[in-house]
Protein backbone atom coordinates (compact mmCIF):
# COMPACT_ATOMS: atom_id res chain seq x y z
CA UNK A 1 5.93 -6.20 -26.99
CA UNK A 2 5.84 -7.47 -23.35
CA UNK A 3 7.10 -4.05 -22.11
CA UNK A 4 4.39 -2.31 -24.00
CA UNK A 5 1.82 -4.74 -22.49
CA UNK A 6 3.24 -4.07 -19.05
CA UNK A 7 3.08 -0.30 -19.48
CA UNK A 8 -0.54 -0.38 -20.76
CA UNK A 9 -1.45 -2.71 -17.84
CA UNK A 10 0.04 -0.21 -15.38
CA UNK A 11 -1.73 2.90 -16.93
CA UNK A 12 -5.07 0.90 -17.10
CA UNK A 13 -4.67 0.01 -13.29
CA UNK A 14 -3.67 3.56 -12.22
CA UNK A 15 -6.01 5.74 -14.56
CA UNK A 16 -7.95 7.04 -11.58
CA UNK A 17 -4.85 8.08 -9.52
CA UNK A 18 -3.31 11.42 -9.20
CA UNK A 19 -0.68 13.24 -7.09
CA UNK A 20 -1.97 14.75 -3.93
CA UNK A 21 -0.24 17.87 -2.48
CA UNK A 22 -0.30 18.94 0.97
CA UNK A 23 0.03 22.43 2.73
CA UNK A 24 3.56 21.75 4.01
CA UNK A 25 6.79 23.57 5.19
CA UNK A 26 9.40 23.96 2.39
CA UNK A 27 12.26 23.76 4.92
CA UNK A 28 13.52 20.41 3.75
CA UNK A 29 14.38 18.55 0.63
CA UNK A 30 14.70 14.78 0.80
CA UNK A 31 15.35 12.25 -2.00
CA UNK A 32 15.49 8.52 -2.57
CA UNK A 33 17.56 6.99 -5.37
CA UNK A 34 18.19 3.49 -6.62
CA UNK A 35 19.75 1.57 -9.61
CA UNK A 36 19.03 -1.60 -11.32
CA UNK A 37 22.60 -2.47 -12.18
CA UNK A 38 23.04 -3.93 -15.72
CA UNK A 39 19.28 -4.62 -15.74
CA UNK A 40 18.59 -4.21 -19.36
CA UNK A 41 19.42 -7.58 -20.94
CA UNK A 42 20.07 -6.30 -24.37
CA UNK A 43 22.61 -3.42 -23.56
CA UNK A 44 23.61 -4.34 -20.03
CA UNK A 45 22.99 -0.63 -19.09
CA UNK A 46 21.55 0.20 -15.70
CA UNK A 47 18.42 1.98 -14.94
CA UNK A 48 18.63 4.79 -12.31
CA UNK A 49 15.56 6.26 -10.56
CA UNK A 50 14.79 8.81 -7.99
CA UNK A 51 12.03 10.68 -6.31
CA UNK A 52 12.48 14.15 -4.61
CA UNK A 53 10.25 15.58 -1.78
CA UNK A 54 10.01 19.27 -0.82
CA UNK A 55 8.66 19.00 2.56
CA UNK A 56 5.82 16.49 2.39
CA UNK A 57 5.24 16.79 -1.31
CA UNK A 58 6.77 14.79 -4.22
CA UNK A 59 8.15 17.44 -6.61
CA UNK A 60 10.27 15.54 -9.03
CA UNK A 61 10.80 11.94 -10.08
CA UNK A 62 12.76 10.15 -12.81
CA UNK A 63 13.35 6.54 -14.08
CA UNK A 64 15.95 6.56 -16.90
CA UNK A 65 18.42 4.16 -18.39
CA UNK A 66 22.03 5.19 -17.89
CA UNK A 67 23.74 6.31 -20.98
CA UNK A 68 26.76 3.96 -20.68
CA UNK A 69 27.60 0.57 -19.11
CA UNK A 70 28.78 0.64 -15.53
CA UNK A 71 31.48 -1.75 -14.53
CA UNK A 72 30.10 -2.38 -11.02
CA UNK A 73 26.86 -1.85 -8.97
CA UNK A 74 28.86 0.99 -7.02
CA UNK A 75 29.50 2.73 -10.20
CA UNK A 76 25.99 2.65 -11.36
CA UNK A 77 24.93 3.62 -7.85
CA UNK A 78 27.34 6.82 -7.95
CA UNK A 79 25.82 7.75 -11.30
CA UNK A 80 22.35 7.41 -9.85
CA UNK A 81 23.35 9.58 -6.80
CA UNK A 82 24.87 12.10 -9.18
CA UNK A 83 21.65 12.39 -11.18
CA UNK A 84 19.55 13.06 -7.96
CA UNK A 85 22.06 15.37 -6.57
CA UNK A 86 22.10 17.38 -9.85
CA UNK A 87 18.20 17.53 -9.78
CA UNK A 88 18.26 18.65 -5.94
CA UNK A 89 20.79 21.24 -6.76
CA UNK A 90 18.57 22.55 -9.37
CA UNK A 91 15.54 22.66 -7.11
CA UNK A 92 17.64 24.36 -4.33
CA UNK A 93 18.87 26.99 -6.73
CA UNK A 94 15.49 27.64 -8.11
CA UNK A 95 14.08 28.03 -4.54
CA UNK A 96 16.94 30.45 -3.88
CA UNK A 97 16.05 32.57 -6.84
CA UNK A 98 12.39 32.65 -5.65
CA UNK A 99 13.67 33.82 -2.31
CA UNK A 100 12.62 30.60 -0.51
CA UNK A 101 15.97 29.05 0.28
CA UNK A 102 16.19 25.61 1.95
CA UNK A 103 17.89 26.15 5.19
CA UNK A 104 18.75 22.36 5.88
CA UNK A 105 21.02 19.82 4.24
CA UNK A 106 19.44 17.88 1.44
CA UNK A 107 19.23 14.19 2.38
CA UNK A 108 19.66 11.61 -0.23
CA UNK A 109 18.86 8.04 0.57
CA UNK A 110 20.45 5.17 -1.34
CA UNK A 111 22.18 1.80 -1.10
CA UNK A 112 25.95 2.62 -0.82
CA UNK A 113 27.46 5.98 -1.23
CA UNK A 114 28.18 9.30 0.61
CA UNK A 115 29.14 12.64 -0.65
CA UNK A 116 30.04 16.31 0.76
CA UNK A 117 27.45 18.65 1.59
CA UNK A 118 24.66 16.36 0.41
CA UNK A 119 24.34 13.74 3.10
CA UNK A 120 23.78 10.26 1.40
CA UNK A 121 22.20 7.66 3.89
CA UNK A 122 21.71 3.97 3.51
CA UNK A 123 18.13 2.79 3.36
CA UNK A 124 17.04 -0.87 3.62
CA UNK A 125 15.34 -2.15 0.48
CA UNK A 126 11.96 -2.65 2.17
CA UNK A 127 11.85 1.28 2.77
CA UNK A 128 13.47 1.96 -0.69
CA UNK A 129 10.55 4.16 -2.09
CA UNK A 130 12.32 4.64 -5.43
CA UNK A 131 12.07 0.93 -6.11
CA UNK A 132 8.42 1.60 -7.23
CA UNK A 133 9.79 2.91 -10.44
CA UNK A 134 12.04 0.06 -11.62
CA UNK A 135 11.09 -3.20 -9.73
CA UNK A 136 8.17 -5.45 -9.60
CA UNK A 137 7.08 -5.32 -5.95
CA UNK A 138 4.66 -7.26 -3.93
CA UNK A 139 1.24 -5.69 -4.06
CA UNK A 140 1.31 -4.66 -0.42
CA UNK A 141 4.65 -2.91 -0.74
CA UNK A 142 3.65 -1.33 -3.97
CA UNK A 143 0.59 0.07 -2.36
CA UNK A 144 2.68 1.30 0.70
CA UNK A 145 5.22 3.05 -1.64
CA UNK A 146 2.32 4.55 -3.72
CA UNK A 147 0.87 5.94 -0.60
CA UNK A 148 4.32 7.38 0.43
CA UNK A 149 4.42 9.17 -2.87
CA UNK A 150 1.11 10.80 -2.23
CA UNK A 151 -0.46 9.17 -5.11
CA UNK A 152 -4.24 8.51 -4.28
CA UNK A 153 -7.36 7.46 -5.97
CA UNK A 154 -9.19 10.67 -7.04
CA UNK A 155 -12.53 11.05 -5.22
CA UNK A 156 -15.64 11.38 -7.25
CA UNK A 157 -15.77 15.09 -6.45
CA UNK A 158 -12.43 15.77 -8.01
CA UNK A 159 -12.74 13.52 -11.14
CA UNK A 160 -13.01 15.68 -14.31
CA UNK A 161 -11.98 19.05 -12.49
């Protein structure tokens, strides 16, 4: 019941927000991922989250409980990275089929791991935009991350359009 109340409170507080898209180059794909290791008190399963930017625009995001229990935070992080790498590969392939290939390496920002032709970089927690999906954040950090995701209050002129 507390989770439902939290969701309703969130929806009520963001009902007048929308995703703003910018005219932007599609020459880069950048993603952030994080994991709340063993965060579910009932199942001890971890929650993975990610957000993917194509140029300056948020094009994909996810927050999902992992299907199995991870034995360590590193294992949970690897699963989280695998999820976002899978998503970015799908986006890259879609763009390739649309004759808009991404010429640069996809960057994945996370807490601990590196992998082959996807470059995985560490990002300090204070810059971990993906935390907005799974963590209670101080209001100033939440607002900053919300702005980084291009979520804005809709102006009166666009409401109802």
